[in-house]
Amino acid sequence: MRDNAITNKERLQHILEAISKINGFIYGQSKESFLNSDIIQNATLFQFAII
């Protein structure tokens, strides 16, 4: 194992943080407002990439 390798616990924490961020981005957004916002879409997709 490399010295800078991420642990399973750290990886799970990153996933939980990404889920929380996604929730924050889309909370209160209608489908239409989400689809009309490139910023919210891109931020959400980036967090899915982390997951």
PDB file of N, CA and C in Angstrom:
ATOM      1  N   MET A   1       0.839  -1.175   0.000  1.00  0.00           N
ATOM      2  CA  MET A   1       0.000   0.000   0.000  1.00  0.00           C
ATOM      3  C   MET A   1       0.889   1.245   0.000  1.00  0.00           C
ATOM      4  N   ARG A   2       0.549   2.204  -0.829  1.00  0.00           N
ATOM      5  CA  ARG A   2       1.318   3.436  -0.888  1.00  0.00           C
ATOM      6  C   ARG A   2       1.065   4.294   0.348  1.00  0.00           C
ATOM      7  N   ASP A   3       2.020   5.094   0.719  1.00  0.00           N
ATOM      8  CA  ASP A   3       1.879   5.951   1.897  1.00  0.00           C
ATOM      9  C   ASP A   3       0.756   6.968   1.745  1.00  0.00           C
ATOM     10  N   ASN A   4       0.500   7.427   0.519  1.00  0.00           N
ATOM     11  CA  ASN A   4      -0.517   8.452   0.315  1.00  0.00           C
ATOM     12  C   ASN A   4      -1.849   7.868  -0.153  1.00  0.00           C
ATOM     13  N   ALA A   5      -2.013   6.570  -0.046  1.00  0.00           N
ATOM     14  CA  ALA A   5      -3.252   5.927  -0.466  1.00  0.00           C
ATOM     15  C   ALA A   5      -4.379   6.311   0.496  1.00  0.00           C
ATOM     16  N   ILE A   6      -5.548   6.508  -0.064  1.00  0.00           N
ATOM     17  CA  ILE A   6      -6.711   6.881   0.728  1.00  0.00           C
ATOM     18  C   ILE A   6      -7.278   5.639   1.418  1.00  0.00           C
ATOM     19  N   THR A   7      -7.702   5.797   2.647  1.00  0.00           N
ATOM     20  CA  THR A   7      -8.263   4.662   3.375  1.00  0.00           C
ATOM     21  C   THR A   7      -9.745   4.504   3.025  1.00  0.00           C
ATOM     22  N   ASN A   8     -10.282   3.336   3.329  1.00  0.00           N
ATOM     23  CA  ASN A   8     -11.706   3.106   3.081  1.00  0.00           C
ATOM     24  C   ASN A   8     -12.563   4.089   3.860  1.00  0.00           C
ATOM     25  N   LYS A   9     -12.160   4.374   5.083  1.00  0.00           N
ATOM     26  CA  LYS A   9     -12.912   5.322   5.911  1.00  0.00           C
ATOM     27  C   LYS A   9     -12.908   6.715   5.276  1.00  0.00           C
ATOM     28  N   GLU A  10     -11.768   7.142   4.779  1.00  0.00           N
ATOM     29  CA  GLU A  10     -11.678   8.451   4.121  1.00  0.00           C
ATOM     30  C   GLU A  10     -12.529   8.479   2.853  1.00  0.00           C
ATOM     31  N   ARG A  11     -12.494   7.399   2.106  1.00  0.00           N
ATOM     32  CA  ARG A  11     -13.288   7.317   0.874  1.00  0.00           C
ATOM     33  C   ARG A  11     -14.774   7.408   1.181  1.00  0.00           C
ATOM     34  N   LEU A  12     -15.217   6.699   2.206  1.00  0.00           N
ATOM     35  CA  LEU A  12     -16.624   6.776   2.605  1.00  0.00           C
ATOM     36  C   LEU A  12     -16.994   8.182   3.061  1.00  0.00           C
ATOM     37  N   GLN A  13     -16.075   8.842   3.741  1.00  0.00           N
ATOM     38  CA  GLN A  13     -16.334  10.223   4.170  1.00  0.00           C
ATOM     39  C   GLN A  13     -16.485  11.138   2.957  1.00  0.00           C
ATOM     40  N   HIS A  14     -15.666  10.952   1.946  1.00  0.00           N
ATOM     41  CA  HIS A  14     -15.789  11.745   0.716  1.00  0.00           C
ATOM     42  C   HIS A  14     -17.145  11.513   0.058  1.00  0.00           C
ATOM     43  N   ILE A  15     -17.592  10.277   0.040  1.00  0.00           N
ATOM     44  CA  ILE A  15     -18.897   9.949  -0.554  1.00  0.00           C
ATOM     45  C   ILE A  15     -20.011  10.638   0.220  1.00  0.00           C
ATOM     46  N   LEU A  16     -19.963  10.558   1.550  1.00  0.00           N
ATOM     47  CA  LEU A  16     -20.988  11.202   2.362  1.00  0.00           C
ATOM     48  C   LEU A  16     -20.989  12.716   2.176  1.00  0.00           C
ATOM     49  N   GLU A  17     -19.817  13.307   2.062  1.00  0.00           N
ATOM     50  CA  GLU A  17     -19.722  14.749   1.823  1.00  0.00           C
ATOM     51  C   GLU A  17     -20.292  15.109   0.454  1.00  0.00           C
ATOM     52  N   ALA A  18     -20.033  14.293  -0.548  1.00  0.00           N
ATOM     53  CA  ALA A  18     -20.556  14.548  -1.886  1.00  0.00           C
ATOM     54  C   ALA A  18     -22.083  14.467  -1.893  1.00  0.00           C
ATOM     55  N   ILE A  19     -22.630  13.482  -1.196  1.00  0.00           N
ATOM     56  CA  ILE A  19     -24.089  13.356  -1.105  1.00  0.00           C
ATOM     57  C   ILE A  19     -24.680  14.586  -0.427  1.00  0.00           C
ATOM     58  N   SER A  20     -24.050  15.032   0.639  1.00  0.00           N
ATOM     59  CA  SER A  20     -24.527  16.214   1.351  1.00  0.00           C
ATOM     60  C   SER A  20     -24.494  17.455   0.457  1.00  0.00           C
ATOM     61  N   LYS A  21     -23.430  17.597  -0.320  1.00  0.00           N
ATOM     62  CA  LYS A  21     -23.324  18.740  -1.232  1.00  0.00           C
ATOM     63  C   LYS A  21     -24.399  18.682  -2.305  1.00  0.00           C
ATOM     64  N   ILE A  22     -24.627  17.496  -2.864  1.00  0.00           N
ATOM     65  CA  ILE A  22     -25.679  17.348  -3.874  1.00  0.00           C
ATOM     66  C   ILE A  22     -27.023  17.766  -3.287  1.00  0.00           C
ATOM     67  N   ASN A  23     -27.297  17.291  -2.088  1.00  0.00           N
ATOM     68  CA  ASN A  23     -28.550  17.650  -1.429  1.00  0.00           C
ATOM     69  C   ASN A  23     -28.668  19.167  -1.280  1.00  0.00           C
ATOM     70  N   GLY A  24     -27.581  19.806  -0.885  1.00  0.00           N
ATOM     71  CA  GLY A  24     -27.588  21.265  -0.748  1.00  0.00           C
ATOM     72  C   GLY A  24     -27.809  21.984  -2.060  1.00  0.00           C
ATOM     73  N   PHE A  25     -27.232  21.453  -3.131  1.00  0.00           N
ATOM     74  CA  PHE A  25     -27.388  22.098  -4.442  1.00  0.00           C
ATOM     75  C   PHE A  25     -28.819  22.018  -4.941  1.00  0.00           C
ATOM     76  N   ILE A  26     -29.471  20.886  -4.720  1.00  0.00           N
ATOM     77  CA  ILE A  26     -30.783  20.675  -5.337  1.00  0.00           C
ATOM     78  C   ILE A  26     -31.959  20.930  -4.404  1.00  0.00           C
ATOM     79  N   TYR A  27     -31.687  21.101  -3.102  1.00  0.00           N
ATOM     80  CA  TYR A  27     -32.771  21.326  -2.156  1.00  0.00           C
ATOM     81  C   TYR A  27     -33.557  22.585  -2.537  1.00  0.00           C
ATOM     82  N   GLY A  28     -34.848  22.433  -2.661  1.00  0.00           N
ATOM     83  CA  GLY A  28     -35.722  23.559  -2.996  1.00  0.00           C
ATOM     84  C   GLY A  28     -35.767  23.920  -4.467  1.00  0.00           C
ATOM     85  N   GLN A  29     -34.997  23.225  -5.286  1.00  0.00           N
ATOM     86  CA  GLN A  29     -34.982  23.487  -6.719  1.00  0.00           C
ATOM     87  C   GLN A  29     -36.094  22.690  -7.407  1.00  0.00           C
ATOM     88  N   SER A  30     -36.783  23.329  -8.306  1.00  0.00           N
ATOM     89  CA  SER A  30     -37.723  22.582  -9.137  1.00  0.00           C
ATOM     90  C   SER A  30     -36.921  21.913 -10.250  1.00  0.00           C
ATOM     91  N   LYS A  31     -37.552  20.954 -10.889  1.00  0.00           N
ATOM     92  CA  LYS A  31     -36.892  20.290 -12.020  1.00  0.00           C
ATOM     93  C   LYS A  31     -36.526  21.324 -13.079  1.00  0.00           C
ATOM     94  N   GLU A  32     -37.435  22.249 -13.320  1.00  0.00           N
ATOM     95  CA  GLU A  32     -37.200  23.276 -14.346  1.00  0.00           C
ATOM     96  C   GLU A  32     -36.020  24.178 -13.978  1.00  0.00           C
ATOM     97  N   SER A  33     -35.957  24.614 -12.722  1.00  0.00           N
ATOM     98  CA  SER A  33     -34.848  25.498 -12.328  1.00  0.00           C
ATOM     99  C   SER A  33     -33.516  24.747 -12.364  1.00  0.00           C
ATOM    100  N   PHE A  34     -33.533  23.473 -12.005  1.00  0.00           N
ATOM    101  CA  PHE A  34     -32.318  22.659 -12.100  1.00  0.00           C
ATOM    102  C   PHE A  34     -31.857  22.558 -13.548  1.00  0.00           C
ATOM    103  N   LEU A  35     -32.795  22.260 -14.438  1.00  0.00           N
ATOM    104  CA  LEU A  35     -32.444  22.096 -15.851  1.00  0.00           C
ATOM    105  C   LEU A  35     -32.025  23.404 -16.518  1.00  0.00           C
ATOM    106  N   ASN A  36     -32.418  24.526 -15.936  1.00  0.00           N
ATOM    107  CA  ASN A  36     -32.051  25.826 -16.498  1.00  0.00           C
ATOM    108  C   ASN A  36     -30.770  26.391 -15.903  1.00  0.00           C
ATOM    109  N   SER A  37     -30.156  25.681 -14.961  1.00  0.00           N
ATOM    110  CA  SER A  37     -28.950  26.181 -14.316  1.00  0.00           C
ATOM    111  C   SER A  37     -27.751  25.293 -14.635  1.00  0.00           C
ATOM    112  N   ASP A  38     -26.912  25.776 -15.520  1.00  0.00           N
ATOM    113  CA  ASP A  38     -25.681  25.033 -15.845  1.00  0.00           C
ATOM    114  C   ASP A  38     -24.782  24.891 -14.626  1.00  0.00           C
ATOM    115  N   ILE A  39     -24.751  25.904 -13.783  1.00  0.00           N
ATOM    116  CA  ILE A  39     -23.884  25.862 -12.598  1.00  0.00           C
ATOM    117  C   ILE A  39     -24.320  24.754 -11.648  1.00  0.00           C
ATOM    118  N   ILE A  40     -25.617  24.689 -11.347  1.00  0.00           N
ATOM    119  CA  ILE A  40     -26.108  23.659 -10.434  1.00  0.00           C
ATOM    120  C   ILE A  40     -25.932  22.273 -11.052  1.00  0.00           C
ATOM    121  N   GLN A  41     -26.197  22.139 -12.334  1.00  0.00           N
ATOM    122  CA  GLN A  41     -26.018  20.842 -13.001  1.00  0.00           C
ATOM    123  C   GLN A  41     -24.563  20.397 -12.933  1.00  0.00           C
ATOM    124  N   ASN A  42     -23.655  21.298 -13.260  1.00  0.00           N
ATOM    125  CA  ASN A  42     -22.232  20.940 -13.265  1.00  0.00           C
ATOM    126  C   ASN A  42     -21.717  20.626 -11.865  1.00  0.00           C
ATOM    127  N   ALA A  43     -22.144  21.397 -10.887  1.00  0.00           N
ATOM    128  CA  ALA A  43     -21.722  21.132  -9.507  1.00  0.00           C
ATOM    129  C   ALA A  43     -22.231  19.766  -9.056  1.00  0.00           C
ATOM    130  N   THR A  44     -23.478  19.463  -9.396  1.00  0.00           N
ATOM    131  CA  THR A  44     -24.066  18.180  -9.024  1.00  0.00           C
ATOM    132  C   THR A  44     -23.344  17.028  -9.723  1.00  0.00           C
ATOM    133  N   LEU A  45     -23.103  17.165 -10.997  1.00  0.00           N
ATOM    134  CA  LEU A  45     -22.418  16.110 -11.753  1.00  0.00           C
ATOM    135  C   LEU A  45     -20.999  15.877 -11.232  1.00  0.00           C
ATOM    136  N   PHE A  46     -20.324  16.945 -10.827  1.00  0.00           N
ATOM    137  CA  PHE A  46     -18.978  16.795 -10.277  1.00  0.00           C
ATOM    138  C   PHE A  46     -19.016  15.950  -9.009  1.00  0.00           C
ATOM    139  N   GLN A  47     -20.009  16.182  -8.166  1.00  0.00           N
ATOM    140  CA  GLN A  47     -20.122  15.404  -6.932  1.00  0.00           C
ATOM    141  C   GLN A  47     -20.449  13.935  -7.247  1.00  0.00           C
ATOM    142  N   PHE A  48     -21.255  13.697  -8.272  1.00  0.00           N
ATOM    143  CA  PHE A  48     -21.504  12.304  -8.672  1.00  0.00           C
ATOM    144  C   PHE A  48     -20.214  11.649  -9.160  1.00  0.00           C
ATOM    145  N   ALA A  49     -19.345  12.410  -9.807  1.00  0.00           N
ATOM    146  CA  ALA A  49     -18.066  11.859 -10.237  1.00  0.00           C
ATOM    147  C   ALA A  49     -17.220  11.452  -9.028  1.00  0.00           C
ATOM    148  N   ILE A  50     -17.305  12.222  -7.951  1.00  0.00           N
ATOM    149  CA  ILE A  50     -16.576  11.877  -6.726  1.00  0.00           C
ATOM    150  C   ILE A  50     -17.101  10.566  -6.163  1.00  0.00           C
ATOM    151  N   ILE A  51     -18.418  10.432  -6.181  1.00  0.00           N
ATOM    152  CA  ILE A  51     -19.024   9.195  -5.672  1.00  0.00           C
ATOM    153  C   ILE A  51     -18.577   8.020  -6.517  1.00  0.00           C
TER     154      ILE A  51
END
